[in-house]
Amino acid sequence: MNRVICMSPHSGSCDYLTARVADKTGFVRIFLRSLGFSPCNGCGGCGGGNGCVYDDAASRLLEDIRRGGKTLFVTPLYFCNFPACAKAFLDRAQAYWEKREKCPSQFYLLAVGGQGEENNFSSAYLTFRAFCIAMGADFAGAKYIGGVESGKDVKESDISEVFGMIL
């Protein structure tokens, strides 16, 4: 199954992009903000490949995206990185790092931000690459769209590039 995960804590440009992708591709829409989950608390319970001590929506979603298919993560950037709710989700991949297992999934990142400079994306890019490694998934591509405060700021050429990346 292919999916697009909106990682924004609020409705806005990421919802718009999530809808555009899902409508064109048939990817299943998932909104991280609608899931109830706990952040990693560093308890060490996952050590030795035991899995996360939490059995919640994050655990179930992480298991699902490891089963295969393509997953596009759509996120705004806050201070050059993921918003807190998204970072809390990504941190839960620690349990999979402990297992050190490959999975057949392909992960893509689409980040948007108000600032136009490409270097505003570098921190999020590195965080996402680490997430892919921890999950044992293939990092399949990433795109940053700057100058975006709302969906109307997204250019059709940017959306075409996203489709070119994931299809």
Foldseek 3Di string as FASTA:
>chain_A
DEAEEEQELDDFQSVVLRVVCCVVPVHHYHYLNVFDDDFDPPPCCLAQLPADPDDGPLSVVLVVQLQEDEYEYEAEDDQLAGPPSNVSSLRSLQSQLNVQDAGHYEYEYEYEYQAADPVSNVVHVVSVVVSCRSSNHHDQYYDYHYNDPGNVRDDPVNSVVVVVRRD
